N, C-alpha and C. Protein backbone atom coordinates (compact mmCIF):
# COMPACT_ATOMS: atom_id res chain seq x y z
N MET A 1 -27.49 9.11 3.99
CA MET A 1 -27.76 8.10 4.99
C MET A 1 -28.13 8.77 6.31
N GLY A 2 -27.52 9.84 6.64
CA GLY A 2 -27.76 10.67 7.80
C GLY A 2 -28.49 10.04 8.96
N GLU A 3 -29.80 10.22 9.00
CA GLU A 3 -30.60 9.81 10.14
C GLU A 3 -30.62 8.29 10.31
N ALA A 4 -30.64 7.55 9.23
CA ALA A 4 -30.66 6.09 9.31
C ALA A 4 -29.41 5.56 10.01
N VAL A 5 -28.28 6.17 9.73
CA VAL A 5 -27.02 5.73 10.33
C VAL A 5 -26.97 6.08 11.81
N SER A 6 -27.53 7.21 12.17
CA SER A 6 -27.49 7.62 13.57
C SER A 6 -28.27 6.67 14.46
N MET A 7 -29.16 5.88 13.90
CA MET A 7 -29.96 4.94 14.68
C MET A 7 -29.24 3.60 14.89
N LEU A 8 -28.13 3.38 14.20
CA LEU A 8 -27.41 2.12 14.31
C LEU A 8 -26.40 2.19 15.45
N SER A 9 -26.17 1.04 16.07
CA SER A 9 -25.11 0.98 17.07
C SER A 9 -23.77 0.97 16.34
N ASP A 10 -22.71 1.27 17.05
CA ASP A 10 -21.37 1.25 16.46
C ASP A 10 -21.04 -0.15 15.92
N GLU A 11 -21.46 -1.17 16.65
CA GLU A 11 -21.19 -2.55 16.21
C GLU A 11 -21.91 -2.87 14.92
N ASP A 12 -23.19 -2.46 14.81
CA ASP A 12 -23.95 -2.71 13.58
C ASP A 12 -23.35 -1.95 12.41
N LEU A 13 -23.00 -0.70 12.64
CA LEU A 13 -22.41 0.10 11.57
C LEU A 13 -21.10 -0.51 11.11
N ASP A 14 -20.27 -0.95 12.04
CA ASP A 14 -19.01 -1.60 11.70
C ASP A 14 -19.26 -2.86 10.88
N SER A 15 -20.26 -3.64 11.27
CA SER A 15 -20.59 -4.87 10.56
C SER A 15 -21.06 -4.57 9.13
N PHE A 16 -21.94 -3.58 8.97
CA PHE A 16 -22.42 -3.21 7.64
C PHE A 16 -21.29 -2.72 6.75
N LEU A 17 -20.42 -1.90 7.31
CA LEU A 17 -19.30 -1.38 6.52
C LEU A 17 -18.34 -2.49 6.12
N THR A 18 -18.10 -3.45 7.00
CA THR A 18 -17.24 -4.58 6.67
C THR A 18 -17.83 -5.41 5.54
N GLU A 19 -19.14 -5.68 5.62
CA GLU A 19 -19.81 -6.44 4.56
C GLU A 19 -19.78 -5.68 3.23
N PHE A 20 -20.01 -4.38 3.29
CA PHE A 20 -20.01 -3.56 2.08
C PHE A 20 -18.62 -3.54 1.44
N GLN A 21 -17.58 -3.42 2.26
CA GLN A 21 -16.21 -3.43 1.75
C GLN A 21 -15.91 -4.77 1.08
N TYR A 22 -16.34 -5.87 1.69
CA TYR A 22 -16.13 -7.19 1.11
C TYR A 22 -16.80 -7.30 -0.26
N LEU A 23 -18.05 -6.84 -0.36
CA LEU A 23 -18.76 -6.89 -1.64
C LEU A 23 -18.06 -6.05 -2.70
N LEU A 24 -17.62 -4.85 -2.31
CA LEU A 24 -16.91 -4.00 -3.27
C LEU A 24 -15.63 -4.68 -3.79
N GLU A 25 -14.88 -5.28 -2.89
CA GLU A 25 -13.64 -5.96 -3.30
C GLU A 25 -13.95 -7.14 -4.23
N CYS A 26 -15.00 -7.89 -3.95
CA CYS A 26 -15.39 -9.01 -4.82
C CYS A 26 -15.79 -8.51 -6.20
N TRP A 27 -16.62 -7.47 -6.23
CA TRP A 27 -17.05 -6.92 -7.52
C TRP A 27 -15.88 -6.36 -8.31
N LEU A 28 -14.98 -5.67 -7.63
CA LEU A 28 -13.83 -5.10 -8.31
C LEU A 28 -12.92 -6.20 -8.85
N ASN A 29 -12.68 -7.24 -8.06
CA ASN A 29 -11.87 -8.35 -8.54
C ASN A 29 -12.50 -9.01 -9.76
N GLU A 30 -13.80 -9.19 -9.74
CA GLU A 30 -14.50 -9.79 -10.88
C GLU A 30 -14.35 -8.92 -12.13
N TYR A 31 -14.50 -7.61 -11.96
CA TYR A 31 -14.34 -6.69 -13.08
C TYR A 31 -12.91 -6.74 -13.62
N GLU A 32 -11.92 -6.72 -12.73
CA GLU A 32 -10.53 -6.78 -13.15
C GLU A 32 -10.25 -8.07 -13.91
N ARG A 33 -10.80 -9.18 -13.47
CA ARG A 33 -10.60 -10.46 -14.17
C ARG A 33 -11.18 -10.41 -15.58
N GLN A 34 -12.31 -9.72 -15.74
CA GLN A 34 -12.90 -9.59 -17.07
C GLN A 34 -12.03 -8.71 -17.97
N VAL A 35 -11.45 -7.68 -17.41
CA VAL A 35 -10.68 -6.71 -18.19
C VAL A 35 -9.25 -7.19 -18.47
N PHE A 36 -8.63 -7.84 -17.48
CA PHE A 36 -7.21 -8.18 -17.55
C PHE A 36 -6.95 -9.67 -17.75
N ASN A 37 -7.71 -10.28 -18.63
CA ASN A 37 -7.45 -11.66 -19.03
C ASN A 37 -7.43 -12.63 -17.84
N ASN A 38 -8.49 -12.56 -17.03
CA ASN A 38 -8.72 -13.46 -15.90
C ASN A 38 -7.69 -13.29 -14.77
N LYS A 39 -7.16 -12.06 -14.60
CA LYS A 39 -6.24 -11.77 -13.50
C LYS A 39 -6.65 -10.46 -12.84
N THR A 40 -6.34 -10.35 -11.56
CA THR A 40 -6.58 -9.10 -10.86
C THR A 40 -5.33 -8.22 -10.97
N LEU A 41 -5.47 -6.96 -10.61
CA LEU A 41 -4.32 -6.06 -10.65
C LEU A 41 -3.23 -6.53 -9.69
N LYS A 42 -3.62 -7.04 -8.53
CA LYS A 42 -2.63 -7.55 -7.57
C LYS A 42 -1.82 -8.68 -8.20
N GLU A 43 -2.50 -9.57 -8.91
CA GLU A 43 -1.80 -10.68 -9.56
C GLU A 43 -0.85 -10.19 -10.65
N LEU A 44 -1.30 -9.20 -11.42
CA LEU A 44 -0.45 -8.65 -12.47
C LEU A 44 0.77 -7.94 -11.91
N ILE A 45 0.58 -7.23 -10.80
CA ILE A 45 1.70 -6.51 -10.19
C ILE A 45 2.74 -7.50 -9.67
N ARG A 46 2.28 -8.58 -9.05
CA ARG A 46 3.21 -9.60 -8.53
C ARG A 46 4.03 -10.23 -9.66
N GLU A 47 3.41 -10.38 -10.84
CA GLU A 47 4.11 -11.00 -11.98
C GLU A 47 5.15 -10.05 -12.57
N GLY A 48 4.88 -8.75 -12.48
CA GLY A 48 5.72 -7.75 -13.12
C GLY A 48 6.98 -7.54 -12.44
């Protein structure tokens, strides 16, 4: 990313990283639901 990131303001970079983190968490939760019988790891841990 190098040069492309250096051109962003701190606020823009923070916004992009927040959006990226949100997408990753959504994708991971969806994957966990497929693998663990429609539950996330957080849900399974709370039940245990």
